[in-house]
PDB file of N, CA and C in Angstrom:
ATOM      1  N   MET A   1     200.107  65.744 145.530  1.00  0.00           N
ATOM      2  CA  MET A   1     199.361  66.287 144.259  1.00  0.00           C
ATOM      3  C   MET A   1     199.963  64.884 143.314  1.00  0.00           C
ATOM      4  N   PRO A   2     198.728  65.046 142.474  1.00  0.00           N
ATOM      5  CA  PRO A   2     199.302  63.804 141.750  1.00  0.00           C
ATOM      6  C   PRO A   2     200.321  64.315 139.924  1.00  0.00           C
ATOM      7  N   GLN A   3     201.124  63.188 140.037  1.00  0.00           N
ATOM      8  CA  GLN A   3     201.709  63.352 138.946  1.00  0.00           C
ATOM      9  C   GLN A   3     201.370  64.125 137.553  1.00  0.00           C
ATOM     10  N   TRP A   4     200.192  64.115 137.241  1.00  0.00           N
ATOM     11  CA  TRP A   4     199.444  64.477 135.855  1.00  0.00           C
ATOM     12  C   TRP A   4     199.639  66.184 136.118  1.00  0.00           C
ATOM     13  N   LEU A   5     199.460  66.281 137.675  1.00  0.00           N
ATOM     14  CA  LEU A   5     199.390  67.593 137.858  1.00  0.00           C
ATOM     15  C   LEU A   5     200.348  68.754 137.775  1.00  0.00           C
ATOM     16  N   GLN A   6     201.289  67.652 138.617  1.00  0.00           N
ATOM     17  CA  GLN A   6     202.458  68.174 138.801  1.00  0.00           C
ATOM     18  C   GLN A   6     202.944  68.294 137.718  1.00  0.00           C
ATOM     19  N   GLN A   7     203.126  67.836 136.410  1.00  0.00           N
ATOM     20  CA  GLN A   7     203.534  67.741 135.343  1.00  0.00           C
ATOM     21  C   GLN A   7     203.162  69.149 134.750  1.00  0.00           C
ATOM     22  N   ALA A   8     201.629  69.265 134.699  1.00  0.00           N
ATOM     23  CA  ALA A   8     201.160  70.536 134.448  1.00  0.00           C
ATOM     24  C   ALA A   8     201.633  71.786 134.731  1.00  0.00           C
ATOM     25  N   VAL A   9     201.641  71.447 136.045  1.00  0.00           N
ATOM     26  CA  VAL A   9     202.056  72.719 136.057  1.00  0.00           C
ATOM     27  C   VAL A   9     203.474  73.008 136.218  1.00  0.00           C
ATOM     28  N   SER A  10     204.527  72.557 136.195  1.00  0.00           N
ATOM     29  CA  SER A  10     205.734  72.815 135.803  1.00  0.00           C
ATOM     30  C   SER A  10     205.570  72.553 134.549  1.00  0.00           C
ATOM     31  N   ALA A  11     205.376  72.616 133.464  1.00  0.00           N
ATOM     32  CA  ALA A  11     205.077  73.224 132.156  1.00  0.00           C
ATOM     33  C   ALA A  11     204.693  74.570 131.669  1.00  0.00           C
ATOM     34  N   GLY A  12     204.004  75.401 132.660  1.00  0.00           N
ATOM     35  CA  GLY A  12     203.880  76.254 133.197  1.00  0.00           C
ATOM     36  C   GLY A  12     202.176  76.810 133.120  1.00  0.00           C
ATOM     37  N   GLN A  13     201.144  75.274 132.927  1.00  0.00           N
ATOM     38  CA  GLN A  13     199.456  75.294 133.261  1.00  0.00           C
ATOM     39  C   GLN A  13     199.793  76.291 134.944  1.00  0.00           C
ATOM     40  N   SER A  14     198.636  76.983 134.913  1.00  0.00           N
ATOM     41  CA  SER A  14     198.702  77.419 136.406  1.00  0.00           C
ATOM     42  C   SER A  14     197.853  76.995 137.567  1.00  0.00           C
ATOM     43  N   PHE A  15     198.059  76.893 139.054  1.00  0.00           N
ATOM     44  CA  PHE A  15     196.976  75.678 139.072  1.00  0.00           C
ATOM     45  C   PHE A  15     195.917  75.906 139.204  1.00  0.00           C
ATOM     46  N   GLU A  16     195.445  77.216 138.817  1.00  0.00           N
ATOM     47  CA  GLU A  16     193.586  78.043 139.667  1.00  0.00           C
ATOM     48  C   GLU A  16     193.370  77.246 137.868  1.00  0.00           C
ATOM     49  N   HIS A  17     193.306  76.343 136.975  1.00  0.00           N
ATOM     50  CA  HIS A  17     193.703  76.275 136.042  1.00  0.00           C
ATOM     51  C   HIS A  17     192.283  74.772 136.043  1.00  0.00           C
ATOM     52  N   PHE A  18     192.507  74.407 137.203  1.00  0.00           N
ATOM     53  CA  PHE A  18     192.255  73.084 137.805  1.00  0.00           C
ATOM     54  C   PHE A  18     190.844  72.904 138.818  1.00  0.00           C
ATOM     55  N   ALA A  19     191.232  74.333 139.420  1.00  0.00           N
ATOM     56  CA  ALA A  19     190.390  74.430 139.988  1.00  0.00           C
ATOM     57  C   ALA A  19     188.927  73.957 140.141  1.00  0.00           C
ATOM     58  N   ILE A  20     188.403  72.878 140.909  1.00  0.00           N
ATOM     59  CA  ILE A  20     186.488  73.216 140.977  1.00  0.00           C
ATOM     60  C   ILE A  20     186.421  74.038 141.577  1.00  0.00           C
ATOM     61  N   ASN A  21     185.554  75.028 141.368  1.00  0.00           N
ATOM     62  CA  ASN A  21     184.392  75.993 142.136  1.00  0.00           C
ATOM     63  C   ASN A  21     183.066  74.922 143.457  1.00  0.00           C
ATOM     64  N   GLN A  22     182.937  74.414 142.480  1.00  0.00           N
ATOM     65  CA  GLN A  22     181.421  73.685 143.159  1.00  0.00           C
ATOM     66  C   GLN A  22     181.234  71.828 142.467  1.00  0.00           C
ATOM     67  N   LEU A  23     180.751  71.320 143.322  1.00  0.00           N
ATOM     68  CA  LEU A  23     180.602  70.295 143.058  1.00  0.00           C
ATOM     69  C   LEU A  23     180.202  69.845 141.851  1.00  0.00           C
ATOM     70  N   SER A  24     180.864  69.348 140.624  1.00  0.00           N
ATOM     71  CA  SER A  24     180.127  68.675 139.545  1.00  0.00           C
ATOM     72  C   SER A  24     178.975  67.755 139.299  1.00  0.00           C
ATOM     73  N   GLU A  25     177.885  67.975 138.228  1.00  0.00           N
ATOM     74  CA  GLU A  25     176.822  67.041 138.490  1.00  0.00           C
ATOM     75  C   GLU A  25     176.477  65.462 138.974  1.00  0.00           C
ATOM     76  N   ASN A  26     177.486  65.240 138.748  1.00  0.00           N
ATOM     77  CA  ASN A  26     177.978  63.354 139.348  1.00  0.00           C
ATOM     78  C   ASN A  26     178.302  63.387 140.661  1.00  0.00           C
ATOM     79  N   ALA A  27     178.720  64.521 140.960  1.00  0.00           N
ATOM     80  CA  ALA A  27     178.761  64.671 142.700  1.00  0.00           C
ATOM     81  C   ALA A  27     177.476  64.475 143.172  1.00  0.00           C
ATOM     82  N   ARG A  28     176.720  65.705 142.940  1.00  0.00           N
ATOM     83  CA  ARG A  28     175.833  65.911 143.344  1.00  0.00           C
ATOM     84  C   ARG A  28     174.425  64.811 142.771  1.00  0.00           C
ATOM     85  N   GLY A  29     175.126  64.277 142.289  1.00  0.00           N
ATOM     86  CA  GLY A  29     173.403  62.929 142.393  1.00  0.00           C
ATOM     87  C   GLY A  29     173.465  63.247 140.460  1.00  0.00           C
ATOM     88  N   GLU A  30     173.495  64.759 140.249  1.00  0.00           N
ATOM     89  CA  GLU A  30     171.737  64.718 138.821  1.00  0.00           C
ATOM     90  C   GLU A  30     172.478  63.373 138.303  1.00  0.00           C
ATOM     91  N   ARG A  31     171.620  64.079 136.938  1.00  0.00           N
ATOM     92  CA  ARG A  31     172.066  63.050 135.824  1.00  0.00           C
ATOM     93  C   ARG A  31     170.753  63.244 134.490  1.00  0.00           C
ATOM     94  N   HIS A  32     171.561  63.581 133.422  1.00  0.00           N
ATOM     95  CA  HIS A  32     171.006  64.097 132.334  1.00  0.00           C
ATOM     96  C   HIS A  32     170.785  63.448 131.606  1.00  0.00           C
ATOM     97  N   ARG A  33     169.850  62.556 130.543  1.00  0.00           N
ATOM     98  CA  ARG A  33     169.155  61.735 130.139  1.00  0.00           C
ATOM     99  C   ARG A  33     170.139  62.212 128.691  1.00  0.00           C
ATOM    100  N   ILE A  34     170.787  60.856 127.823  1.00  0.00           N
ATOM    101  CA  ILE A  34     171.647  60.935 126.894  1.00  0.00           C
ATOM    102  C   ILE A  34     170.332  60.972 125.323  1.00  0.00           C
ATOM    103  N   ASP A  35     170.588  61.094 125.037  1.00  0.00           N
ATOM    104  CA  ASP A  35     169.928  61.034 123.707  1.00  0.00           C
ATOM    105  C   ASP A  35     170.935  60.213 122.596  1.00  0.00           C
ATOM    106  N   ARG A  36     170.634  59.249 122.288  1.00  0.00           N
ATOM    107  CA  ARG A  36     171.977  58.180 121.688  1.00  0.00           C
ATOM    108  C   ARG A  36     170.723  58.048 120.394  1.00  0.00           C
ATOM    109  N   SER A  37     169.577  58.702 119.797  1.00  0.00           N
ATOM    110  CA  SER A  37     168.965  58.189 118.615  1.00  0.00           C
ATOM    111  C   SER A  37     169.437  58.319 117.718  1.00  0.00           C
ATOM    112  N   GLN A  38     170.849  58.854 117.926  1.00  0.00           N
ATOM    113  CA  GLN A  38     171.663  59.501 116.807  1.00  0.00           C
ATOM    114  C   GLN A  38     172.895  59.219 116.580  1.00  0.00           C
ATOM    115  N   ASP A  39     173.019  57.981 117.661  1.00  0.00           N
ATOM    116  CA  ASP A  39     174.288  57.497 117.791  1.00  0.00           C
ATOM    117  C   ASP A  39     174.582  56.827 116.735  1.00  0.00           C
ATOM    118  N   PRO A  40     176.074  56.844 115.748  1.00  0.00           N
ATOM    119  CA  PRO A  40     176.364  55.919 115.251  1.00  0.00           C
ATOM    120  C   PRO A  40     176.991  54.955 115.409  1.00  0.00           C
ATOM    121  N   PHE A  41     177.604  54.844 116.332  1.00  0.00           N
ATOM    122  CA  PHE A  41     177.614  53.181 116.550  1.00  0.00           C
ATOM    123  C   PHE A  41     177.166  52.827 117.385  1.00  0.00           C
ATOM    124  N   ALA A  42     175.720  52.773 117.818  1.00  0.00           N
ATOM    125  CA  ALA A  42     174.856  51.980 118.458  1.00  0.00           C
ATOM    126  C   ALA A  42     174.671  50.736 117.992  1.00  0.00           C
ATOM    127  N   GLY A  43     174.488  49.815 119.100  1.00  0.00           N
ATOM    128  CA  GLY A  43     174.858  48.263 118.460  1.00  0.00           C
ATOM    129  C   GLY A  43     175.794  47.844 118.616  1.00  0.00           C
ATOM    130  N   SER A  44     176.937  48.869 118.213  1.00  0.00           N
ATOM    131  CA  SER A  44     178.197  48.194 117.557  1.00  0.00           C
ATOM    132  C   SER A  44     179.055  47.635 118.205  1.00  0.00           C
ATOM    133  N   ARG A  45     180.635  47.393 118.127  1.00  0.00           N
ATOM    134  CA  ARG A  45     181.301  46.071 119.267  1.00  0.00           C
ATOM    135  C   ARG A  45     181.648  47.473 119.935  1.00  0.00           C
ATOM    136  N   LEU A  46     182.145  48.587 119.323  1.00  0.00           N
ATOM    137  CA  LEU A  46     182.754  50.058 120.244  1.00  0.00           C
ATOM    138  C   LEU A  46     181.898  49.922 121.387  1.00  0.00           C
ATOM    139  N   ALA A  47     180.193  50.447 121.157  1.00  0.00           N
ATOM    140  CA  ALA A  47     179.529  50.157 122.191  1.00  0.00           C
ATOM    141  C   ALA A  47     178.954  49.938 122.773  1.00  0.00           C
ATOM    142  N   THR A  48     179.792  48.442 123.178  1.00  0.00           N
ATOM    143  CA  THR A  48     179.320  47.688 124.009  1.00  0.00           C
ATOM    144  C   THR A  48     180.625  47.175 124.517  1.00  0.00           C
ATOM    145  N   ALA A  49     181.571  47.922 124.132  1.00  0.00           N
ATOM    146  CA  ALA A  49     183.368  47.430 124.634  1.00  0.00           C
ATOM    147  C   ALA A  49     183.530  48.125 126.269  1.00  0.00           C
ATOM    148  N   GLN A  50     183.943  46.680 127.108  1.00  0.00           N
ATOM    149  CA  GLN A  50     183.842  46.838 128.834  1.00  0.00           C
ATOM    150  C   GLN A  50     185.588  46.850 128.599  1.00  0.00           C
ATOM    151  N   PRO A  51     186.088  47.627 129.331  1.00  0.00           N
ATOM    152  CA  PRO A  51     188.014  47.811 129.417  1.00  0.00           C
ATOM    153  C   PRO A  51     188.036  46.439 130.646  1.00  0.00           C
ATOM    154  N   ASP A  52     189.276  46.255 129.990  1.00  0.00           N
ATOM    155  CA  ASP A  52     189.584  45.035 131.267  1.00  0.00           C
ATOM    156  C   ASP A  52     190.397  45.093 132.132  1.00  0.00           C
ATOM    157  N   SER A  53     191.375  44.424 133.156  1.00  0.00           N
ATOM    158  CA  SER A  53     191.384  45.238 134.709  1.00  0.00           C
ATOM    159  C   SER A  53     192.381  45.884 134.564  1.00  0.00           C
ATOM    160  N   ASN A  54     192.601  46.597 133.347  1.00  0.00           N
ATOM    161  CA  ASN A  54     193.441  47.653 134.088  1.00  0.00           C
ATOM    162  C   ASN A  54     193.615  48.521 133.081  1.00  0.00           C
ATOM    163  N   GLY A  55     192.370  48.813 133.002  1.00  0.00           N
ATOM    164  CA  GLY A  55     191.200  49.850 131.991  1.00  0.00           C
ATOM    165  C   GLY A  55     191.170  50.238 131.188  1.00  0.00           C
ATOM    166  N   GLN A  56     191.783  49.267 129.989  1.00  0.00           N
ATOM    167  CA  GLN A  56     192.341  49.925 128.393  1.00  0.00           C
ATOM    168  C   GLN A  56     191.073  49.148 127.816  1.00  0.00           C
ATOM    169  N   TYR A  57     191.105  49.397 127.265  1.00  0.00           N
ATOM    170  CA  TYR A  57     189.585  48.810 126.105  1.00  0.00           C
ATOM    171  C   TYR A  57     190.476  47.963 124.705  1.00  0.00           C
TER     172      TYR A  57
END
C-alpha cells in the first residue's frame, strides 16, 4: 500500500474513498479537447514551465 494511502486511512479516511470503479478517460485513451482561448497564462513562463529531473517546477 502506498504511503500516502496508508496515512490517509490511518487518519480516518475510508479505503473505499479511493476505489476506482472504472477506467479513467486517460486509461481508455480518450482525450477531450482543451479550450485554452481564455487561458490568462498562455504564452507566459508559467505556461511553458517544465519539471526538472525530480519532477519539481
